[in-house]
């Protein structure tokens, strides 16, 4: 019976050793895939940022001009600005309470 117990223990130790090696191998493979995926994601994000930057950098002067005009109109008409703000808030509240 001692021999059988020793054989079982030896077999289990061998299986644990093999499983440990397999887990290490899988971990290494996943690490490589993760690194590649991260590099691809960074490259995609960089390209996306560059595209947005190119588009918005051309439009920024016009957007700034429109923002200054809107600010000027809001300062000239504070009551209208307040009413528009309340209306927008009411619309948002209505949309949020419908869900």
C-alpha atoms as a PDB file:
ATOM      1  CA  UNK A   1       0.000   0.000   0.000  1.00  0.00           C
ATOM      2  CA  UNK A   2       2.903   2.356   0.667  1.00  0.00           C
ATOM      3  CA  UNK A   3       4.089   1.886  -2.895  1.00  0.00           C
ATOM      4  CA  UNK A   4       0.676   2.800  -4.281  1.00  0.00           C
ATOM      5  CA  UNK A   5       0.537   5.882  -2.094  1.00  0.00           C
ATOM      6  CA  UNK A   6       4.021   6.919  -3.221  1.00  0.00           C
ATOM      7  CA  UNK A   7       3.067   6.327  -6.859  1.00  0.00           C
ATOM      8  CA  UNK A   8      -0.067   8.416  -6.495  1.00  0.00           C
ATOM      9  CA  UNK A   9       1.881  11.191  -4.791  1.00  0.00           C
ATOM     10  CA  UNK A  10       4.542  11.054  -7.489  1.00  0.00           C
ATOM     11  CA  UNK A  11       1.893  11.153 -10.231  1.00  0.00           C
ATOM     12  CA  UNK A  12       0.161  14.102  -8.597  1.00  0.00           C
ATOM     13  CA  UNK A  13       3.433  15.978  -8.219  1.00  0.00           C
ATOM     14  CA  UNK A  14       4.187  15.348 -11.903  1.00  0.00           C
ATOM     15  CA  UNK A  15       0.733  16.589 -12.903  1.00  0.00           C
ATOM     16  CA  UNK A  16       1.114  19.696 -10.768  1.00  0.00           C
ATOM     17  CA  UNK A  17       4.516  20.313 -12.330  1.00  0.00           C
ATOM     18  CA  UNK A  18       3.089  19.951 -15.834  1.00  0.00           C
ATOM     19  CA  UNK A  19       0.172  22.224 -15.015  1.00  0.00           C
ATOM     20  CA  UNK A  20       2.550  24.810 -13.589  1.00  0.00           C
ATOM     21  CA  UNK A  21       4.576  24.739 -16.801  1.00  0.00           C
ATOM     22  CA  UNK A  22       1.415  25.053 -18.897  1.00  0.00           C
ATOM     23  CA  UNK A  23       0.170  27.987 -16.841  1.00  0.00           C
ATOM     24  CA  UNK A  24       3.563  29.681 -17.208  1.00  0.00           C
ATOM     25  CA  UNK A  25       3.455  29.087 -20.964  1.00  0.00           C
ATOM     26  CA  UNK A  26      -0.084  30.468 -21.227  1.00  0.00           C
ATOM     27  CA  UNK A  27       0.857  33.461 -19.118  1.00  0.00           C
ATOM     28  CA  UNK A  28       3.800  34.207 -21.377  1.00  0.00           C
ATOM     29  CA  UNK A  29       1.639  33.867 -24.511  1.00  0.00           C
ATOM     30  CA  UNK A  30      -1.041  36.144 -23.065  1.00  0.00           C
ATOM     31  CA  UNK A  31       1.584  38.657 -22.059  1.00  0.00           C
ATOM     32  CA  UNK A  32       2.880  38.792 -25.625  1.00  0.00           C
ATOM     33  CA  UNK A  33      -0.631  39.153 -27.017  1.00  0.00           C
ATOM     34  CA  UNK A  34      -1.468  41.847 -24.487  1.00  0.00           C
ATOM     35  CA  UNK A  35       1.671  43.780 -25.355  1.00  0.00           C
ATOM     36  CA  UNK A  36       0.838  43.570 -29.055  1.00  0.00           C
ATOM     37  CA  UNK A  37      -2.765  44.625 -28.430  1.00  0.00           C
ATOM     38  CA  UNK A  38      -1.594  47.525 -26.279  1.00  0.00           C
ATOM     39  CA  UNK A  39       0.808  48.665 -28.976  1.00  0.00           C
ATOM     40  CA  UNK A  40      -1.961  48.478 -31.596  1.00  0.00           C
ATOM     41  CA  UNK A  41      -4.330  50.391 -29.336  1.00  0.00           C
ATOM     42  CA  UNK A  42      -1.759  53.082 -28.658  1.00  0.00           C
ATOM     43  CA  UNK A  43      -1.078  53.442 -32.371  1.00  0.00           C
ATOM     44  CA  UNK A  44      -4.802  53.676 -33.150  1.00  0.00           C
ATOM     45  CA  UNK A  45      -5.344  56.214 -30.390  1.00  0.00           C
ATOM     46  CA  UNK A  46      -2.411  58.263 -31.628  1.00  0.00           C
ATOM     47  CA  UNK A  47      -3.770  58.262 -35.167  1.00  0.00           C
ATOM     48  CA  UNK A  48      -7.224  59.203 -33.908  1.00  0.00           C
ATOM     49  CA  UNK A  49      -5.796  62.041 -31.821  1.00  0.00           C
ATOM     50  CA  UNK A  50      -3.760  63.308 -34.756  1.00  0.00           C
ATOM     51  CA  UNK A  51      -6.865  63.258 -36.956  1.00  0.00           C
ATOM     52  CA  UNK A  52      -8.933  65.155 -34.387  1.00  0.00           C
ATOM     53  CA  UNK A  53      -6.137  67.615 -33.781  1.00  0.00           C
ATOM     54  CA  UNK A  54      -5.767  68.324 -37.486  1.00  0.00           C
ATOM     55  CA  UNK A  55      -9.505  68.865 -37.901  1.00  0.00           C
ATOM     56  CA  UNK A  56     -10.027  70.947 -34.792  1.00  0.00           C
ATOM     57  CA  UNK A  57      -6.869  73.016 -35.056  1.00  0.00           C
ATOM     58  CA  UNK A  58      -8.180  74.380 -38.363  1.00  0.00           C
ATOM     59  CA  UNK A  59     -11.608  75.076 -36.863  1.00  0.00           C
ATOM     60  CA  UNK A  60     -10.432  76.502 -33.517  1.00  0.00           C
ATOM     61  CA  UNK A  61     -10.180  80.160 -34.593  1.00  0.00           C
ATOM     62  CA  UNK A  62     -13.747  80.115 -35.921  1.00  0.00           C
ATOM     63  CA  UNK A  63     -14.988  78.300 -32.811  1.00  0.00           C
ATOM     64  CA  UNK A  64     -13.281  80.840 -30.539  1.00  0.00           C
ATOM     65  CA  UNK A  65     -14.830  83.700 -32.509  1.00  0.00           C
ATOM     66  CA  UNK A  66     -18.306  82.145 -32.204  1.00  0.00           C
ATOM     67  CA  UNK A  67     -17.787  81.563 -28.482  1.00  0.00           C
ATOM     68  CA  UNK A  68     -16.798  85.201 -27.965  1.00  0.00           C
ATOM     69  CA  UNK A  69     -19.874  86.341 -29.893  1.00  0.00           C
ATOM     70  CA  UNK A  70     -22.122  84.058 -27.838  1.00  0.00           C
ATOM     71  CA  UNK A  71     -20.567  85.357 -24.625  1.00  0.00           C
ATOM     72  CA  UNK A  72     -21.083  88.937 -25.742  1.00  0.00           C
ATOM     73  CA  UNK A  73     -24.750  88.272 -26.604  1.00  0.00           C
ATOM     74  CA  UNK A  74     -25.269  86.531 -23.262  1.00  0.00           C
ATOM     75  CA  UNK A  75     -23.825  89.507 -21.403  1.00  0.00           C
ATOM     76  CA  UNK A  76     -25.991  91.911 -23.397  1.00  0.00           C
ATOM     77  CA  UNK A  77     -29.168  89.872 -22.730  1.00  0.00           C
ATOM     78  CA  UNK A  78     -28.944  88.305 -19.261  1.00  0.00           C
ATOM     79  CA  UNK A  79     -32.686  87.617 -18.971  1.00  0.00           C
ATOM     80  CA  UNK A  80     -32.825  85.777 -22.290  1.00  0.00           C
ATOM     81  CA  UNK A  81     -29.723  83.826 -21.316  1.00  0.00           C
ATOM     82  CA  UNK A  82     -31.324  82.807 -18.020  1.00  0.00           C
ATOM     83  CA  UNK A  83     -34.532  81.706 -19.769  1.00  0.00           C
ATOM     84  CA  UNK A  84     -32.590  79.641 -22.294  1.00  0.00           C
ATOM     85  CA  UNK A  85     -30.619  78.052 -19.445  1.00  0.00           C
ATOM     86  CA  UNK A  86     -33.808  77.148 -17.586  1.00  0.00           C
ATOM     87  CA  UNK A  87     -35.348  75.732 -20.771  1.00  0.00           C
ATOM     88  CA  UNK A  88     -32.285  73.580 -21.461  1.00  0.00           C
ATOM     89  CA  UNK A  89     -32.272  72.374 -17.859  1.00  0.00           C
ATOM     90  CA  UNK A  90     -35.975  71.538 -18.118  1.00  0.00           C
ATOM     91  CA  UNK A  91     -35.453  69.581 -21.327  1.00  0.00           C
ATOM     92  CA  UNK A  92     -32.602  67.612 -19.780  1.00  0.00           C
ATOM     93  CA  UNK A  93     -34.656  66.887 -16.673  1.00  0.00           C
ATOM     94  CA  UNK A  94     -37.581  65.725 -18.818  1.00  0.00           C
ATOM     95  CA  UNK A  95     -35.337  63.451 -20.863  1.00  0.00           C
ATOM     96  CA  UNK A  96     -33.724  61.952 -17.770  1.00  0.00           C
ATOM     97  CA  UNK A  97     -36.998  61.299 -15.976  1.00  0.00           C
ATOM     98  CA  UNK A  98     -38.510  59.491 -18.981  1.00  0.00           C
ATOM     99  CA  UNK A  99     -36.009  56.639 -18.674  1.00  0.00           C
END
